Amino acid sequence: MKIIVIEPYRDGWPQEFQEIGAEIRGAVGDFALAVHHIGSTSVPGLAAKDVIDVQLTVGDLNAPIREALENAGYRFRDGVFEDHCPPGMTIDPWDLEKRYYSRDDRKIHLHVRERGRYNQRYALLCRDYLRFSAMARDAYAEVKRQLARLFPDDVAAYYAVKDPVFDVLMSGAFVWAETTGWKEPESDA
């Protein structure tokens, strides 16, 4: 049974990402347009599950990188993966599609997304907004802690509540991006 545990922020997560990011970039070479640390472990001060989320940005979602990633220890997760579409939005499923890999020796979620698609920019905007807004970061951390307390072994319930809460948070991120002129950041690794 999988138990959801939200931990205090660890100062070592960015360094772990640097090693992971360099390994991924080395494995896929020029197919990597960018490698970013995303998700909760990428936001200083944010409580998180001990999972390093990485976004590998490619020019073509069907780039021939599977064998290279598998040789580097990543397990391809079969199936078509689509990111969550926020309520009230109409987004072409193509803009939400991704490839997904994981590792067995360390909790790493590798999200392969194509440059310019909605989901590729969304993950970066999410991270940058939570880095900017301590209030949003801390409120999001509290939601995750409470969900883990209420649903420690029910991943479906955890995400059924967390995703719409996150959509509310991201409505502020979209406004912030527009008012600040936010642009997609350079690669982290």
C-alpha atoms as a PDB file:
ATOM      1  CA  MET A   1       0.000   0.000   0.000  1.00  0.00           C
ATOM      2  CA  LYS A   2       1.373   3.395  -1.012  1.00  0.00           C
ATOM      3  CA  ILE A   3       1.348   5.958   1.808  1.00  0.00           C
ATOM      4  CA  ILE A   4       1.407   9.671   0.960  1.00  0.00           C
ATOM      5  CA  VAL A   5       3.975  11.512   3.069  1.00  0.00           C
ATOM      6  CA  ILE A   6       4.519  15.267   2.825  1.00  0.00           C
ATOM      7  CA  GLU A   7       7.935  16.246   4.148  1.00  0.00           C
ATOM      8  CA  PRO A   8       9.420  19.618   5.035  1.00  0.00           C
ATOM      9  CA  TYR A   9      11.474  21.177   2.246  1.00  0.00           C
ATOM     10  CA  ARG A  10      14.973  19.716   1.907  1.00  0.00           C
ATOM     11  CA  ASP A  11      17.886  21.924   0.896  1.00  0.00           C
ATOM     12  CA  GLY A  12      19.429  18.927  -0.916  1.00  0.00           C
ATOM     13  CA  TRP A  13      16.664  18.566  -3.522  1.00  0.00           C
ATOM     14  CA  PRO A  14      18.130  21.131  -5.980  1.00  0.00           C
ATOM     15  CA  GLN A  15      21.523  19.390  -5.909  1.00  0.00           C
ATOM     16  CA  GLU A  16      19.854  16.029  -6.488  1.00  0.00           C
ATOM     17  CA  PHE A  17      18.104  17.556  -9.485  1.00  0.00           C
ATOM     18  CA  GLN A  18      21.393  18.897 -10.879  1.00  0.00           C
ATOM     19  CA  GLU A  19      22.845  15.391 -10.900  1.00  0.00           C
ATOM     20  CA  ILE A  20      19.674  13.896 -12.383  1.00  0.00           C
ATOM     21  CA  GLY A  21      19.362  16.679 -14.970  1.00  0.00           C
ATOM     22  CA  ALA A  22      22.963  16.261 -16.111  1.00  0.00           C
ATOM     23  CA  GLU A  23      22.434  12.515 -16.432  1.00  0.00           C
ATOM     24  CA  ILE A  24      19.289  12.998 -18.542  1.00  0.00           C
ATOM     25  CA  ARG A  25      20.926  15.597 -20.760  1.00  0.00           C
ATOM     26  CA  GLY A  26      23.899  13.287 -21.230  1.00  0.00           C
ATOM     27  CA  ALA A  27      21.631  10.400 -22.159  1.00  0.00           C
ATOM     28  CA  VAL A  28      19.503  12.167 -24.771  1.00  0.00           C
ATOM     29  CA  GLY A  29      22.020  14.695 -26.087  1.00  0.00           C
ATOM     30  CA  ASP A  30      20.724  17.242 -28.570  1.00  0.00           C
ATOM     31  CA  PHE A  31      17.145  16.012 -28.228  1.00  0.00           C
ATOM     32  CA  ALA A  32      17.071  17.890 -24.893  1.00  0.00           C
ATOM     33  CA  LEU A  33      16.038  21.450 -25.664  1.00  0.00           C
ATOM     34  CA  ALA A  34      15.744  22.057 -21.910  1.00  0.00           C
ATOM     35  CA  VAL A  35      15.813  20.114 -18.655  1.00  0.00           C
ATOM     36  CA  HIS A  36      13.935  21.749 -15.783  1.00  0.00           C
ATOM     37  CA  HIS A  37      13.394  20.936 -12.139  1.00  0.00           C
ATOM     38  CA  ILE A  38       9.618  21.156 -11.690  1.00  0.00           C
ATOM     39  CA  GLY A  39       7.095  20.122  -9.079  1.00  0.00           C
ATOM     40  CA  SER A  40       7.117  20.815  -5.374  1.00  0.00           C
ATOM     41  CA  THR A  41      10.756  19.877  -4.730  1.00  0.00           C
ATOM     42  CA  SER A  42      11.764  22.687  -7.119  1.00  0.00           C
ATOM     43  CA  VAL A  43      10.203  25.396  -4.922  1.00  0.00           C
ATOM     44  CA  PRO A  44      12.370  26.508  -1.982  1.00  0.00           C
ATOM     45  CA  GLY A  45      10.443  26.243   1.282  1.00  0.00           C
ATOM     46  CA  LEU A  46       7.616  24.097  -0.113  1.00  0.00           C
ATOM     47  CA  ALA A  47       6.749  20.904   1.737  1.00  0.00           C
ATOM     48  CA  ALA A  48       6.611  18.004  -0.700  1.00  0.00           C
ATOM     49  CA  LYS A  49       6.586  14.302  -1.334  1.00  0.00           C
ATOM     50  CA  ASP A  50      10.208  13.147  -1.692  1.00  0.00           C
ATOM     51  CA  VAL A  51       9.949  12.912  -5.476  1.00  0.00           C
ATOM     52  CA  ILE A  52      12.155  14.810  -7.899  1.00  0.00           C
ATOM     53  CA  ASP A  53      10.031  15.885 -10.865  1.00  0.00           C
ATOM     54  CA  VAL A  54      11.939  16.652 -14.034  1.00  0.00           C
ATOM     55  CA  GLN A  55      10.636  18.107 -17.267  1.00  0.00           C
ATOM     56  CA  LEU A  56      12.566  17.191 -20.390  1.00  0.00           C
ATOM     57  CA  THR A  57      11.566  19.536 -23.199  1.00  0.00           C
ATOM     58  CA  VAL A  58      11.959  18.151 -26.700  1.00  0.00           C
ATOM     59  CA  GLY A  59      11.171  19.512 -30.143  1.00  0.00           C
ATOM     60  CA  ASP A  60       9.112  16.467 -31.080  1.00  0.00           C
ATOM     61  CA  LEU A  61       7.263  14.309 -28.568  1.00  0.00           C
ATOM     62  CA  ASN A  62       8.097  11.281 -30.699  1.00  0.00           C
ATOM     63  CA  ALA A  63      11.852  11.928 -30.619  1.00  0.00           C
ATOM     64  CA  PRO A  64      13.794   8.645 -30.464  1.00  0.00           C
ATOM     65  CA  ILE A  65      14.949   8.935 -26.835  1.00  0.00           C
ATOM     66  CA  ARG A  66      13.324   5.925 -25.207  1.00  0.00           C
ATOM     67  CA  GLU A  67      16.264   3.547 -25.573  1.00  0.00           C
ATOM     68  CA  ALA A  68      18.744   6.141 -24.301  1.00  0.00           C
ATOM     69  CA  LEU A  69      16.600   6.859 -21.226  1.00  0.00           C
ATOM     70  CA  GLU A  70      16.061   3.158 -20.560  1.00  0.00           C
ATOM     71  CA  ASN A  71      19.830   2.608 -20.783  1.00  0.00           C
ATOM     72  CA  ALA A  72      20.205   5.373 -18.174  1.00  0.00           C
ATOM     73  CA  GLY A  73      17.871   3.479 -15.805  1.00  0.00           C
ATOM     74  CA  TYR A  74      14.518   5.075 -16.604  1.00  0.00           C
ATOM     75  CA  ARG A  75      11.443   2.925 -17.060  1.00  0.00           C
ATOM     76  CA  PHE A  76       9.066   3.991 -19.830  1.00  0.00           C
ATOM     77  CA  ARG A  77       5.478   4.025 -18.646  1.00  0.00           C
ATOM     78  CA  ASP A  78       3.373   2.625 -21.463  1.00  0.00           C
ATOM     79  CA  GLY A  79       0.188   4.356 -22.433  1.00  0.00           C
ATOM     80  CA  VAL A  80      -0.899   7.789 -23.497  1.00  0.00           C
ATOM     81  CA  PHE A  81      -0.460  10.278 -20.700  1.00  0.00           C
ATOM     82  CA  GLU A  82      -2.313  13.558 -20.674  1.00  0.00           C
ATOM     83  CA  ASP A  83      -1.960  16.248 -18.078  1.00  0.00           C
ATOM     84  CA  HIS A  84      -4.992  17.555 -16.229  1.00  0.00           C
ATOM     85  CA  CYS A  85      -7.217  20.063 -18.064  1.00  0.00           C
ATOM     86  CA  PRO A  86      -8.417  22.777 -15.661  1.00  0.00           C
ATOM     87  CA  PRO A  87     -12.211  23.093 -15.378  1.00  0.00           C
ATOM     88  CA  GLY A  88     -13.706  25.743 -17.623  1.00  0.00           C
ATOM     89  CA  MET A  89     -10.866  25.543 -20.137  1.00  0.00           C
ATOM     90  CA  THR A  90     -11.001  23.935 -23.537  1.00  0.00           C
ATOM     91  CA  ILE A  91      -7.578  22.582 -24.388  1.00  0.00           C
ATOM     92  CA  ASP A  92      -6.819  20.305 -27.304  1.00  0.00           C
ATOM     93  CA  PRO A  93      -5.725  16.900 -25.910  1.00  0.00           C
ATOM     94  CA  TRP A  94      -2.626  17.242 -28.122  1.00  0.00           C
ATOM     95  CA  ASP A  95      -1.553  20.187 -25.913  1.00  0.00           C
ATOM     96  CA  LEU A  96      -1.794  17.993 -22.792  1.00  0.00           C
ATOM     97  CA  GLU A  97      -0.019  14.889 -24.114  1.00  0.00           C
ATOM     98  CA  LYS A  98       3.327  13.790 -22.666  1.00  0.00           C
ATOM     99  CA  ARG A  99       5.610  10.798 -22.280  1.00  0.00           C
ATOM    100  CA  TYR A 100       6.361   9.573 -18.791  1.00  0.00           C
ATOM    101  CA  TYR A 101       9.312   7.727 -17.239  1.00  0.00           C
ATOM    102  CA  SER A 102      10.270   6.786 -13.697  1.00  0.00           C
ATOM    103  CA  ARG A 103      13.127   5.139 -11.843  1.00  0.00           C
ATOM    104  CA  ASP A 104      13.058   2.294  -9.393  1.00  0.00           C
ATOM    105  CA  ASP A 105      16.183   3.243  -7.443  1.00  0.00           C
ATOM    106  CA  ARG A 106      15.078   6.846  -6.648  1.00  0.00           C
ATOM    107  CA  LYS A 107      11.696   8.549  -6.746  1.00  0.00           C
ATOM    108  CA  ILE A 108      12.089  10.450 -10.011  1.00  0.00           C
ATOM    109  CA  HIS A 109       9.210  11.360 -12.291  1.00  0.00           C
ATOM    110  CA  LEU A 110      10.413  12.337 -15.740  1.00  0.00           C
ATOM    111  CA  HIS A 111       7.823  14.209 -17.795  1.00  0.00           C
ATOM    112  CA  VAL A 112       8.766  14.524 -21.469  1.00  0.00           C
ATOM    113  CA  ARG A 113       6.857  17.374 -23.071  1.00  0.00           C
ATOM    114  CA  GLU A 114       7.077  19.130 -26.399  1.00  0.00           C
ATOM    115  CA  ARG A 115       8.197  22.754 -26.532  1.00  0.00           C
ATOM    116  CA  GLY A 116       5.349  25.191 -27.058  1.00  0.00           C
ATOM    117  CA  ARG A 117       2.547  22.951 -25.865  1.00  0.00           C
ATOM    118  CA  TYR A 118       0.263  24.143 -23.081  1.00  0.00           C
ATOM    119  CA  ASN A 119       1.431  21.537 -20.559  1.00  0.00           C
ATOM    120  CA  GLN A 120       5.120  22.298 -21.151  1.00  0.00           C
ATOM    121  CA  ARG A 121       4.696  25.966 -20.241  1.00  0.00           C
ATOM    122  CA  TYR A 122       2.169  25.252 -17.454  1.00  0.00           C
ATOM    123  CA  ALA A 123       4.661  23.216 -15.398  1.00  0.00           C
ATOM    124  CA  LEU A 124       7.224  26.023 -15.562  1.00  0.00           C
ATOM    125  CA  LEU A 125       4.723  28.776 -14.802  1.00  0.00           C
ATOM    126  CA  CYS A 126       3.457  26.790 -11.828  1.00  0.00           C
ATOM    127  CA  ARG A 127       6.964  26.440 -10.418  1.00  0.00           C
ATOM    128  CA  ASP A 128       7.920  30.071 -10.988  1.00  0.00           C
ATOM    129  CA  TYR A 129       4.706  31.411  -9.475  1.00  0.00           C
ATOM    130  CA  LEU A 130       5.111  29.304  -6.336  1.00  0.00           C
ATOM    131  CA  ARG A 131       8.708  30.535  -6.074  1.00  0.00           C
ATOM    132  CA  PHE A 132       7.425  34.117  -6.314  1.00  0.00           C
ATOM    133  CA  SER A 133       4.410  33.932  -3.989  1.00  0.00           C
ATOM    134  CA  ALA A 134       5.162  32.770  -0.451  1.00  0.00           C
ATOM    135  CA  MET A 135       1.441  32.995   0.360  1.00  0.00           C
ATOM    136  CA  ALA A 136       0.465  30.668  -2.501  1.00  0.00           C
ATOM    137  CA  ARG A 137       3.372  28.331  -1.686  1.00  0.00           C
ATOM    138  CA  ASP A 138       2.469  28.073   1.989  1.00  0.00           C
ATOM    139  CA  ALA A 139      -1.264  27.645   1.339  1.00  0.00           C
ATOM    140  CA  TYR A 140      -0.524  24.910  -1.201  1.00  0.00           C
ATOM    141  CA  ALA A 141       1.764  23.162   1.303  1.00  0.00           C
ATOM    142  CA  GLU A 142      -0.978  23.216   3.914  1.00  0.00           C
ATOM    143  CA  VAL A 143      -3.510  21.743   1.478  1.00  0.00           C
ATOM    144  CA  LYS A 144      -1.087  18.917   0.687  1.00  0.00           C
ATOM    145  CA  ARG A 145      -0.353  18.248   4.364  1.00  0.00           C
ATOM    146  CA  GLN A 146      -4.052  18.090   5.211  1.00  0.00           C
ATOM    147  CA  LEU A 147      -4.840  15.858   2.245  1.00  0.00           C
ATOM    148  CA  ALA A 148      -2.031  13.488   3.215  1.00  0.00           C
ATOM    149  CA  ARG A 149      -3.406  13.434   6.768  1.00  0.00           C
ATOM    150  CA  LEU A 150      -6.977  12.784   5.614  1.00  0.00           C
ATOM    151  CA  PHE A 151      -6.154  10.376   2.764  1.00  0.00           C
ATOM    152  CA  PRO A 152      -2.729   8.870   3.584  1.00  0.00           C
ATOM    153  CA  ASP A 153      -3.342   5.713   1.549  1.00  0.00           C
ATOM    154  CA  ASP A 154      -5.839   6.958  -1.026  1.00  0.00           C
ATOM    155  CA  VAL A 155      -3.903   8.487  -3.918  1.00  0.00           C
ATOM    156  CA  ALA A 156      -7.075   8.947  -5.990  1.00  0.00           C
ATOM    157  CA  ALA A 157      -8.785  10.994  -3.241  1.00  0.00           C
ATOM    158  CA  TYR A 158      -5.606  13.018  -2.638  1.00  0.00           C
ATOM    159  CA  TYR A 159      -5.445  14.095  -6.297  1.00  0.00           C
ATOM    160  CA  ALA A 160      -9.228  14.464  -6.680  1.00  0.00           C
ATOM    161  CA  VAL A 161      -9.029  17.352  -4.204  1.00  0.00           C
ATOM    162  CA  LYS A 162      -5.494  18.613  -4.882  1.00  0.00           C
ATOM    163  CA  ASP A 163      -5.978  19.135  -8.634  1.00  0.00           C
ATOM    164  CA  PRO A 164      -8.946  21.546  -8.391  1.00  0.00           C
ATOM    165  CA  VAL A 165      -7.273  23.413  -5.507  1.00  0.00           C
ATOM    166  CA  PHE A 166      -4.241  23.758  -7.718  1.00  0.00           C
ATOM    167  CA  ASP A 167      -6.408  25.066 -10.553  1.00  0.00           C
ATOM    168  CA  VAL A 168      -7.585  27.879  -8.253  1.00  0.00           C
ATOM    169  CA  LEU A 169      -3.982  28.673  -7.380  1.00  0.00           C
ATOM    170  CA  MET A 170      -2.988  28.685 -11.040  1.00  0.00           C
ATOM    171  CA  SER A 171      -5.691  31.199 -11.912  1.00  0.00           C
ATOM    172  CA  GLY A 172      -3.547  33.643  -9.910  1.00  0.00           C
ATOM    173  CA  ALA A 173      -0.417  32.419 -11.673  1.00  0.00           C
ATOM    174  CA  PHE A 174      -1.873  33.258 -15.086  1.00  0.00           C
ATOM    175  CA  VAL A 175      -2.634  36.818 -13.957  1.00  0.00           C
ATOM    176  CA  TRP A 176       0.849  37.114 -12.430  1.00  0.00           C
ATOM    177  CA  ALA A 177       2.452  35.892 -15.666  1.00  0.00           C
ATOM    178  CA  GLU A 178       0.547  38.412 -17.731  1.00  0.00           C
ATOM    179  CA  THR A 179       1.259  41.369 -15.452  1.00  0.00           C
ATOM    180  CA  THR A 180       4.967  40.547 -15.068  1.00  0.00           C
ATOM    181  CA  GLY A 181       5.638  39.512 -18.654  1.00  0.00           C
ATOM    182  CA  TRP A 182       6.757  36.061 -17.504  1.00  0.00           C
ATOM    183  CA  LYS A 183       8.701  34.135 -20.128  1.00  0.00           C
ATOM    184  CA  GLU A 184       9.745  30.512 -20.272  1.00  0.00           C
ATOM    185  CA  PRO A 185      12.997  30.222 -18.311  1.00  0.00           C
ATOM    186  CA  GLU A 186      16.292  28.888 -19.598  1.00  0.00           C
ATOM    187  CA  SER A 187      17.161  25.255 -18.928  1.00  0.00           C
ATOM    188  CA  ASP A 188      18.114  24.345 -15.353  1.00  0.00           C
ATOM    189  CA  ALA A 189      20.577  21.643 -16.394  1.00  0.00           C
END
